[in-house]
PDB file of N, CA and C in Angstrom:
ATOM      1  N   UNK A   1     -12.328   5.044  -4.082  1.00  0.00           N
ATOM      2  CA  UNK A   1     -11.453   6.197  -4.167  1.00  0.00           C
ATOM      3  C   UNK A   1     -11.902   7.042  -5.364  1.00  0.00           C
ATOM      4  N   UNK A   2     -12.099   8.304  -5.119  1.00  0.00           N
ATOM      5  CA  UNK A   2     -12.505   9.246  -6.152  1.00  0.00           C
ATOM      6  C   UNK A   2     -11.411   9.338  -7.220  1.00  0.00           C
ATOM      7  N   UNK A   3     -11.775   9.150  -8.477  1.00  0.00           N
ATOM      8  CA  UNK A   3     -10.810   9.164  -9.584  1.00  0.00           C
ATOM      9  C   UNK A   3     -10.060  10.491  -9.657  1.00  0.00           C
ATOM     10  N   UNK A   4     -10.742  11.600  -9.390  1.00  0.00           N
ATOM     11  CA  UNK A   4     -10.080  12.913  -9.452  1.00  0.00           C
ATOM     12  C   UNK A   4      -8.999  13.031  -8.393  1.00  0.00           C
ATOM     13  N   UNK A   5      -9.275  12.498  -7.196  1.00  0.00           N
ATOM     14  CA  UNK A   5      -8.269  12.527  -6.133  1.00  0.00           C
ATOM     15  C   UNK A   5      -7.103  11.619  -6.495  1.00  0.00           C
ATOM     16  N   UNK A   6      -7.401  10.444  -6.993  1.00  0.00           N
ATOM     17  CA  UNK A   6      -6.354   9.497  -7.375  1.00  0.00           C
ATOM     18  C   UNK A   6      -5.439  10.081  -8.460  1.00  0.00           C
ATOM     19  N   UNK A   7      -6.014  10.866  -9.360  1.00  0.00           N
ATOM     20  CA  UNK A   7      -5.228  11.472 -10.434  1.00  0.00           C
ATOM     21  C   UNK A   7      -4.208  12.485  -9.935  1.00  0.00           C
ATOM     22  N   UNK A   8      -4.456  13.106  -8.785  1.00  0.00           N
ATOM     23  CA  UNK A   8      -3.513  14.116  -8.294  1.00  0.00           C
ATOM     24  C   UNK A   8      -2.571  13.595  -7.213  1.00  0.00           C
ATOM     25  N   UNK A   9      -2.872  12.416  -6.649  1.00  0.00           N
ATOM     26  CA  UNK A   9      -2.010  11.864  -5.607  1.00  0.00           C
ATOM     27  C   UNK A   9      -0.760  11.230  -6.210  1.00  0.00           C
ATOM     28  N   UNK A  10       0.324  11.304  -5.451  1.00  0.00           N
ATOM     29  CA  UNK A  10       1.535  10.610  -5.841  1.00  0.00           C
ATOM     30  C   UNK A  10       2.279  10.197  -4.572  1.00  0.00           C
ATOM     31  N   UNK A  11       3.223   9.302  -4.727  1.00  0.00           N
ATOM     32  CA  UNK A  11       4.045   8.865  -3.605  1.00  0.00           C
ATOM     33  C   UNK A  11       4.827  10.071  -3.087  1.00  0.00           C
ATOM     34  N   UNK A  12       4.805  10.330  -1.769  1.00  0.00           N
ATOM     35  CA  UNK A  12       5.523  11.482  -1.232  1.00  0.00           C
ATOM     36  C   UNK A  12       7.043  11.351  -1.326  1.00  0.00           C
ATOM     37  N   UNK A  13       7.544  10.152  -1.551  1.00  0.00           N
ATOM     38  CA  UNK A  13       8.992   9.939  -1.634  1.00  0.00           C
ATOM     39  C   UNK A  13       9.456   9.898  -3.094  1.00  0.00           C
ATOM     40  N   UNK A  14       8.910   8.963  -3.867  1.00  0.00           N
ATOM     41  CA  UNK A  14       9.365   8.777  -5.257  1.00  0.00           C
ATOM     42  C   UNK A  14       8.650   9.675  -6.254  1.00  0.00           C
ATOM     43  N   UNK A  15       7.506  10.242  -5.839  1.00  0.00           N
ATOM     44  CA  UNK A  15       6.653  11.086  -6.706  1.00  0.00           C
ATOM     45  C   UNK A  15       5.988  10.292  -7.824  1.00  0.00           C
ATOM     46  N   UNK A  16       6.019   8.970  -7.722  1.00  0.00           N
ATOM     47  CA  UNK A  16       5.352   8.129  -8.720  1.00  0.00           C
ATOM     48  C   UNK A  16       3.836   8.213  -8.534  1.00  0.00           C
ATOM     49  N   UNK A  17       3.092   8.077  -9.630  1.00  0.00           N
ATOM     50  CA  UNK A  17       1.632   8.030  -9.529  1.00  0.00           C
ATOM     51  C   UNK A  17       1.198   6.789  -8.743  1.00  0.00           C
ATOM     52  N   UNK A  18      -0.047   6.807  -8.300  1.00  0.00           N
ATOM     53  CA  UNK A  18      -0.610   5.706  -7.530  1.00  0.00           C
ATOM     54  C   UNK A  18      -1.800   5.105  -8.257  1.00  0.00           C
ATOM     55  N   UNK A  19      -2.083   3.858  -7.930  1.00  0.00           N
ATOM     56  CA  UNK A  19      -3.295   3.187  -8.412  1.00  0.00           C
ATOM     57  C   UNK A  19      -3.884   2.439  -7.224  1.00  0.00           C
ATOM     58  N   UNK A  20      -5.141   2.051  -7.343  1.00  0.00           N
ATOM     59  CA  UNK A  20      -5.752   1.288  -6.261  1.00  0.00           C
ATOM     60  C   UNK A  20      -5.173  -0.127  -6.246  1.00  0.00           C
ATOM     61  N   UNK A  21      -5.114  -0.691  -5.074  1.00  0.00           N
ATOM     62  CA  UNK A  21      -4.611  -2.054  -4.904  1.00  0.00           C
ATOM     63  C   UNK A  21      -5.636  -3.030  -5.465  1.00  0.00           C
ATOM     64  N   UNK A  22      -5.182  -3.982  -6.241  1.00  0.00           N
ATOM     65  CA  UNK A  22      -6.071  -4.999  -6.818  1.00  0.00           C
ATOM     66  C   UNK A  22      -6.499  -5.974  -5.720  1.00  0.00           C
ATOM     67  N   UNK A  23      -7.649  -6.649  -5.894  1.00  0.00           N
ATOM     68  CA  UNK A  23      -8.134  -7.576  -4.863  1.00  0.00           C
ATOM     69  C   UNK A  23      -7.106  -8.635  -4.452  1.00  0.00           C
ATOM     70  N   UNK A  24      -6.393  -9.231  -5.392  1.00  0.00           N
ATOM     71  CA  UNK A  24      -5.390 -10.243  -5.056  1.00  0.00           C
ATOM     72  C   UNK A  24      -4.242  -9.668  -4.244  1.00  0.00           C
ATOM     73  N   UNK A  25      -3.849  -8.443  -4.570  1.00  0.00           N
ATOM     74  CA  UNK A  25      -2.783  -7.776  -3.821  1.00  0.00           C
ATOM     75  C   UNK A  25      -3.247  -7.467  -2.400  1.00  0.00           C
ATOM     76  N   UNK A  26      -4.500  -7.028  -2.283  1.00  0.00           N
ATOM     77  CA  UNK A  26      -5.055  -6.730  -0.965  1.00  0.00           C
ATOM     78  C   UNK A  26      -5.132  -7.998  -0.113  1.00  0.00           C
ATOM     79  N   UNK A  27      -5.514  -9.103  -0.720  1.00  0.00           N
ATOM     80  CA  UNK A  27      -5.565 -10.389  -0.010  1.00  0.00           C
ATOM     81  C   UNK A  27      -4.176 -10.793   0.484  1.00  0.00           C
ATOM     82  N   UNK A  28      -3.163 -10.619  -0.377  1.00  0.00           N
ATOM     83  CA  UNK A  28      -1.796 -10.970   0.003  1.00  0.00           C
ATOM     84  C   UNK A  28      -1.318 -10.086   1.164  1.00  0.00           C
ATOM     85  N   UNK A  29      -1.609  -8.802   1.088  1.00  0.00           N
ATOM     86  CA  UNK A  29      -1.233  -7.872   2.153  1.00  0.00           C
ATOM     87  C   UNK A  29      -1.878  -8.280   3.470  1.00  0.00           C
ATOM     88  N   UNK A  30      -3.175  -8.535   3.451  1.00  0.00           N
ATOM     89  CA  UNK A  30      -3.888  -8.896   4.683  1.00  0.00           C
ATOM     90  C   UNK A  30      -3.469 -10.259   5.219  1.00  0.00           C
ATOM     91  N   UNK A  31      -3.135 -11.188   4.348  1.00  0.00           N
ATOM     92  CA  UNK A  31      -2.644 -12.499   4.805  1.00  0.00           C
ATOM     93  C   UNK A  31      -1.329 -12.318   5.562  1.00  0.00           C
ATOM     94  N   UNK A  32      -0.445 -11.468   5.047  1.00  0.00           N
ATOM     95  CA  UNK A  32       0.816 -11.196   5.731  1.00  0.00           C
ATOM     96  C   UNK A  32       0.609 -10.500   7.061  1.00  0.00           C
ATOM     97  N   UNK A  33      -0.351  -9.566   7.111  1.00  0.00           N
ATOM     98  CA  UNK A  33      -0.662  -8.865   8.366  1.00  0.00           C
ATOM     99  C   UNK A  33      -1.176  -9.859   9.396  1.00  0.00           C
ATOM    100  N   UNK A  34      -2.069 -10.747   8.982  1.00  0.00           N
ATOM    101  CA  UNK A  34      -2.629 -11.738   9.908  1.00  0.00           C
ATOM    102  C   UNK A  34      -1.559 -12.668  10.465  1.00  0.00           C
ATOM    103  N   UNK A  35      -0.518 -12.924   9.685  1.00  0.00           N
ATOM    104  CA  UNK A  35       0.581 -13.782  10.144  1.00  0.00           C
ATOM    105  C   UNK A  35       1.614 -13.000  10.956  1.00  0.00           C
ATOM    106  N   UNK A  36       1.427 -11.681  11.064  1.00  0.00           N
ATOM    107  CA  UNK A  36       2.364 -10.855  11.811  1.00  0.00           C
ATOM    108  C   UNK A  36       3.675 -10.619  11.090  1.00  0.00           C
ATOM    109  N   UNK A  37       3.641 -10.644   9.755  1.00  0.00           N
ATOM    110  CA  UNK A  37       4.870 -10.558   8.966  1.00  0.00           C
ATOM    111  C   UNK A  37       5.037  -9.254   8.204  1.00  0.00           C
ATOM    112  N   UNK A  38       4.160  -8.279   8.427  1.00  0.00           N
ATOM    113  CA  UNK A  38       4.207  -7.044   7.637  1.00  0.00           C
ATOM    114  C   UNK A  38       4.560  -5.855   8.521  1.00  0.00           C
ATOM    115  N   UNK A  39       5.533  -5.082   8.044  1.00  0.00           N
ATOM    116  CA  UNK A  39       5.950  -3.862   8.738  1.00  0.00           C
ATOM    117  C   UNK A  39       5.837  -2.675   7.792  1.00  0.00           C
ATOM    118  N   UNK A  40       5.624  -1.505   8.380  1.00  0.00           N
ATOM    119  CA  UNK A  40       5.672  -0.296   7.561  1.00  0.00           C
ATOM    120  C   UNK A  40       7.119   0.184   7.471  1.00  0.00           C
ATOM    121  N   UNK A  41       7.347   1.257   6.758  1.00  0.00           N
ATOM    122  CA  UNK A  41       8.700   1.777   6.561  1.00  0.00           C
ATOM    123  C   UNK A  41       9.356   2.145   7.892  1.00  0.00           C
ATOM    124  N   UNK A  42       8.560   2.579   8.865  1.00  0.00           N
ATOM    125  CA  UNK A  42       9.088   2.946  10.182  1.00  0.00           C
ATOM    126  C   UNK A  42       9.469   1.725  11.015  1.00  0.00           C
ATOM    127  N   UNK A  43       9.196   0.521  10.508  1.00  0.00           N
ATOM    128  CA  UNK A  43       9.540  -0.701  11.226  1.00  0.00           C
ATOM    129  C   UNK A  43       8.478  -1.180  12.204  1.00  0.00           C
ATOM    130  N   UNK A  44       7.310  -0.562  12.172  1.00  0.00           N
ATOM    131  CA  UNK A  44       6.203  -0.965  13.050  1.00  0.00           C
ATOM    132  C   UNK A  44       5.436  -2.115  12.406  1.00  0.00           C
ATOM    133  N   UNK A  45       5.184  -3.149  13.196  1.00  0.00           N
ATOM    134  CA  UNK A  45       4.436  -4.302  12.693  1.00  0.00           C
ATOM    135  C   UNK A  45       2.960  -3.925  12.585  1.00  0.00           C
ATOM    136  N   UNK A  46       2.361  -4.234  11.450  1.00  0.00           N
ATOM    137  CA  UNK A  46       0.939  -3.950  11.256  1.00  0.00           C
ATOM    138  C   UNK A  46       0.108  -5.049  11.892  1.00  0.00           C
ATOM    139  N   UNK A  47      -0.980  -4.658  12.530  1.00  0.00           N
ATOM    140  CA  UNK A  47      -1.820  -5.645  13.196  1.00  0.00           C
ATOM    141  C   UNK A  47      -3.274  -5.606  12.723  1.00  0.00           C
ATOM    142  N   UNK A  48      -3.662  -4.546  12.031  1.00  0.00           N
ATOM    143  CA  UNK A  48      -5.043  -4.431  11.569  1.00  0.00           C
ATOM    144  C   UNK A  48      -5.123  -4.625  10.059  1.00  0.00           C
ATOM    145  N   UNK A  49      -6.154  -5.381   9.649  1.00  0.00           N
ATOM    146  CA  UNK A  49      -6.399  -5.594   8.228  1.00  0.00           C
ATOM    147  C   UNK A  49      -6.580  -4.262   7.508  1.00  0.00           C
ATOM    148  N   UNK A  50      -6.277  -4.258   6.246  1.00  0.00           N
ATOM    149  CA  UNK A  50      -6.437  -3.082   5.398  1.00  0.00           C
ATOM    150  C   UNK A  50      -7.628  -3.337   4.481  1.00  0.00           C
ATOM    151  N   UNK A  51      -8.585  -2.404   4.462  1.00  0.00           N
ATOM    152  CA  UNK A  51      -9.766  -2.564   3.618  1.00  0.00           C
ATOM    153  C   UNK A  51      -9.564  -1.976   2.224  1.00  0.00           C
ATOM    154  N   UNK A  52      -8.726  -0.945   2.154  1.00  0.00           N
ATOM    155  CA  UNK A  52      -8.482  -0.263   0.886  1.00  0.00           C
ATOM    156  C   UNK A  52      -7.066   0.292   0.934  1.00  0.00           C
ATOM    157  N   UNK A  53      -6.398   0.305  -0.209  1.00  0.00           N
ATOM    158  CA  UNK A  53      -5.028   0.824  -0.243  1.00  0.00           C
ATOM    159  C   UNK A  53      -4.668   1.270  -1.652  1.00  0.00           C
ATOM    160  N   UNK A  54      -3.615   2.067  -1.712  1.00  0.00           N
ATOM    161  CA  UNK A  54      -3.052   2.534  -2.964  1.00  0.00           C
ATOM    162  C   UNK A  54      -1.640   1.990  -3.073  1.00  0.00           C
ATOM    163  N   UNK A  55      -1.161   1.813  -4.287  1.00  0.00           N
ATOM    164  CA  UNK A  55       0.199   1.328  -4.514  1.00  0.00           C
ATOM    165  C   UNK A  55       0.830   2.173  -5.617  1.00  0.00           C
ATOM    166  N   UNK A  56       2.124   2.398  -5.514  1.00  0.00           N
ATOM    167  CA  UNK A  56       2.812   3.129  -6.566  1.00  0.00           C
ATOM    168  C   UNK A  56       2.732   2.323  -7.862  1.00  0.00           C
ATOM    169  N   UNK A  57       2.779   3.013  -8.981  1.00  0.00           N
ATOM    170  CA  UNK A  57       2.627   2.317 -10.260  1.00  0.00           C
ATOM    171  C   UNK A  57       3.775   1.358 -10.546  1.00  0.00           C
ATOM    172  N   UNK A  58       4.896   1.499  -9.839  1.00  0.00           N
ATOM    173  CA  UNK A  58       5.971   0.515  -9.988  1.00  0.00           C
ATOM    174  C   UNK A  58       5.801  -0.652  -9.018  1.00  0.00           C
ATOM    175  N   UNK A  59       4.745  -0.610  -8.198  1.00  0.00           N
ATOM    176  CA  UNK A  59       4.418  -1.714  -7.299  1.00  0.00           C
ATOM    177  C   UNK A  59       5.319  -1.849  -6.080  1.00  0.00           C
ATOM    178  N   UNK A  60       6.057  -0.821  -5.720  1.00  0.00           N
ATOM    179  CA  UNK A  60       7.034  -0.949  -4.640  1.00  0.00           C
ATOM    180  C   UNK A  60       6.553  -0.512  -3.264  1.00  0.00           C
ATOM    181  N   UNK A  61       5.591   0.431  -3.202  1.00  0.00           N
ATOM    182  CA  UNK A  61       5.131   0.943  -1.906  1.00  0.00           C
ATOM    183  C   UNK A  61       3.614   1.022  -1.881  1.00  0.00           C
ATOM    184  N   UNK A  62       3.037   0.525  -0.779  1.00  0.00           N
ATOM    185  CA  UNK A  62       1.596   0.543  -0.566  1.00  0.00           C
ATOM    186  C   UNK A  62       1.282   1.573   0.519  1.00  0.00           C
ATOM    187  N   UNK A  63       0.212   2.330   0.304  1.00  0.00           N
ATOM    188  CA  UNK A  63      -0.288   3.274   1.299  1.00  0.00           C
ATOM    189  C   UNK A  63      -1.732   2.909   1.609  1.00  0.00           C
ATOM    190  N   UNK A  64      -2.034   2.715   2.875  1.00  0.00           N
ATOM    191  CA  UNK A  64      -3.404   2.335   3.237  1.00  0.00           C
ATOM    192  C   UNK A  64      -4.335   3.545   3.114  1.00  0.00           C
ATOM    193  N   UNK A  65      -5.610   3.254   2.981  1.00  0.00           N
ATOM    194  CA  UNK A  65      -6.653   4.269   2.939  1.00  0.00           C
ATOM    195  C   UNK A  65      -7.556   3.992   4.132  1.00  0.00           C
ATOM    196  N   UNK A  66      -7.631   4.930   5.067  1.00  0.00           N
ATOM    197  CA  UNK A  66      -8.450   4.780   6.265  1.00  0.00           C
ATOM    198  C   UNK A  66      -9.694   5.640   6.150  1.00  0.00           C
ATOM    199  N   UNK A  67     -10.865   5.010   6.185  1.00  0.00           N
ATOM    200  CA  UNK A  67     -12.135   5.729   6.089  1.00  0.00           C
ATOM    201  C   UNK A  67     -12.173   6.679   4.896  1.00  0.00           C
ATOM    202  N   UNK A  68     -11.643   6.220   3.758  1.00  0.00           N
ATOM    203  CA  UNK A  68     -11.654   7.004   2.541  1.00  0.00           C
ATOM    204  C   UNK A  68     -10.546   8.041   2.433  1.00  0.00           C
ATOM    205  N   UNK A  69      -9.673   8.113   3.437  1.00  0.00           N
ATOM    206  CA  UNK A  69      -8.593   9.099   3.450  1.00  0.00           C
ATOM    207  C   UNK A  69      -7.253   8.395   3.267  1.00  0.00           C
ATOM    208  N   UNK A  70      -6.535   8.688   2.180  1.00  0.00           N
ATOM    209  CA  UNK A  70      -5.222   8.074   1.967  1.00  0.00           C
ATOM    210  C   UNK A  70      -4.224   8.535   3.034  1.00  0.00           C
ATOM    211  N   UNK A  71      -3.507   7.593   3.610  1.00  0.00           N
ATOM    212  CA  UNK A  71      -2.476   7.898   4.602  1.00  0.00           C
ATOM    213  C   UNK A  71      -1.154   7.967   3.848  1.00  0.00           C
ATOM    214  N   UNK A  72      -0.765   9.181   3.461  1.00  0.00           N
ATOM    215  CA  UNK A  72       0.372   9.381   2.573  1.00  0.00           C
ATOM    216  C   UNK A  72       1.639   9.802   3.313  1.00  0.00           C
ATOM    217  N   UNK A  73       1.786   9.407   4.549  1.00  0.00           N
ATOM    218  CA  UNK A  73       3.004   9.700   5.310  1.00  0.00           C
ATOM    219  C   UNK A  73       4.090   8.713   4.890  1.00  0.00           C
ATOM    220  N   UNK A  74       5.289   9.197   4.560  1.00  0.00           N
ATOM    221  CA  UNK A  74       6.353   8.295   4.096  1.00  0.00           C
ATOM    222  C   UNK A  74       6.613   7.130   5.053  1.00  0.00           C
ATOM    223  N   UNK A  75       6.628   7.384   6.352  1.00  0.00           N
ATOM    224  CA  UNK A  75       6.928   6.325   7.322  1.00  0.00           C
ATOM    225  C   UNK A  75       5.802   5.302   7.464  1.00  0.00           C
ATOM    226  N   UNK A  76       4.609   5.626   6.961  1.00  0.00           N
ATOM    227  CA  UNK A  76       3.487   4.696   7.017  1.00  0.00           C
ATOM    228  C   UNK A  76       3.371   3.833   5.765  1.00  0.00           C
ATOM    229  N   UNK A  77       4.224   4.073   4.785  1.00  0.00           N
ATOM    230  CA  UNK A  77       4.232   3.251   3.580  1.00  0.00           C
ATOM    231  C   UNK A  77       4.612   1.816   3.918  1.00  0.00           C
ATOM    232  N   UNK A  78       4.166   0.895   3.090  1.00  0.00           N
ATOM    233  CA  UNK A  78       4.443  -0.533   3.283  1.00  0.00           C
ATOM    234  C   UNK A  78       5.213  -1.011   2.056  1.00  0.00           C
ATOM    235  N   UNK A  79       6.472  -1.338   2.251  1.00  0.00           N
ATOM    236  CA  UNK A  79       7.299  -1.821   1.145  1.00  0.00           C
ATOM    237  C   UNK A  79       6.876  -3.210   0.714  1.00  0.00           C
ATOM    238  N   UNK A  80       6.752  -3.416  -0.580  1.00  0.00           N
ATOM    239  CA  UNK A  80       6.314  -4.726  -1.081  1.00  0.00           C
ATOM    240  C   UNK A  80       7.458  -5.730  -1.179  1.00  0.00           C
ATOM    241  N   UNK A  81       8.706  -5.301  -0.961  1.00  0.00           N
ATOM    242  CA  UNK A  81       9.837  -6.235  -1.021  1.00  0.00           C
ATOM    243  C   UNK A  81       9.750  -7.291   0.075  1.00  0.00           C
ATOM    244  N   UNK A  82       8.943  -7.044   1.101  1.00  0.00           N
ATOM    245  CA  UNK A  82       8.808  -8.026   2.178  1.00  0.00           C
ATOM    246  C   UNK A  82       7.878  -9.184   1.803  1.00  0.00           C
ATOM    247  N   UNK A  83       7.301  -9.129   0.601  1.00  0.00           N
ATOM    248  CA  UNK A  83       6.435 -10.199   0.106  1.00  0.00           C
ATOM    249  C   UNK A  83       7.183 -10.956  -0.984  1.00  0.00           C
ATOM    250  N   UNK A  84       7.363 -12.248  -0.795  1.00  0.00           N
ATOM    251  CA  UNK A  84       8.089 -13.062  -1.773  1.00  0.00           C
ATOM    252  C   UNK A  84       7.388 -13.136  -3.122  1.00  0.00           C
ATOM    253  N   UNK A  85       6.083 -13.119  -3.121  1.00  0.00           N
ATOM    254  CA  UNK A  85       5.306 -13.354  -4.347  1.00  0.00           C
ATOM    255  C   UNK A  85       4.548 -12.123  -4.817  1.00  0.00           C
ATOM    256  N   UNK A  86       4.983 -10.906  -4.447  1.00  0.00           N
ATOM    257  CA  UNK A  86       4.229  -9.718  -4.847  1.00  0.00           C
ATOM    258  C   UNK A  86       4.185  -9.643  -6.370  1.00  0.00           C
ATOM    259  N   UNK A  87       2.999  -9.420  -6.952  1.00  0.00           N
ATOM    260  CA  UNK A  87       2.874  -9.390  -8.405  1.00  0.00           C
ATOM    261  C   UNK A  87       3.711  -8.277  -9.033  1.00  0.00           C
ATOM    262  N   UNK A  88       4.273  -8.548 -10.174  1.00  0.00           N
ATOM    263  CA  UNK A  88       5.023  -7.523 -10.907  1.00  0.00           C
ATOM    264  C   UNK A  88       4.043  -6.508 -11.469  1.00  0.00           C
ATOM    265  N   UNK A  89       4.469  -5.272 -11.506  1.00  0.00           N
ATOM    266  CA  UNK A  89       3.612  -4.217 -12.056  1.00  0.00           C
ATOM    267  C   UNK A  89       3.598  -4.281 -13.568  1.00  0.00           C
ATOM    268  N   UNK A  90       2.461  -3.873 -14.148  1.00  0.00           N
ATOM    269  CA  UNK A  90       2.348  -3.898 -15.619  1.00  0.00           C
ATOM    270  C   UNK A  90       3.260  -2.892 -16.280  1.00  0.00           C
TER     271      UNK A  90
END
């Protein structure tokens, strides 16, 4: 993800800044998707692994990045409350 683009992006709902998802967070997200346990805000179950994603700096919402393009639609966000062990944000 281009640093300049990341600097101007924010969550469309909370307006919080975003950061790239850390490798451990990405692994946890994909493990949940593989088990069929992850839904987006619209309630749709995710079925495809995520290769890259952004997360709000408070760690509450994840937005996937498809082919280098952030998917910043509010209904496509992935709430982290559905993960029991999601890491706390710094």
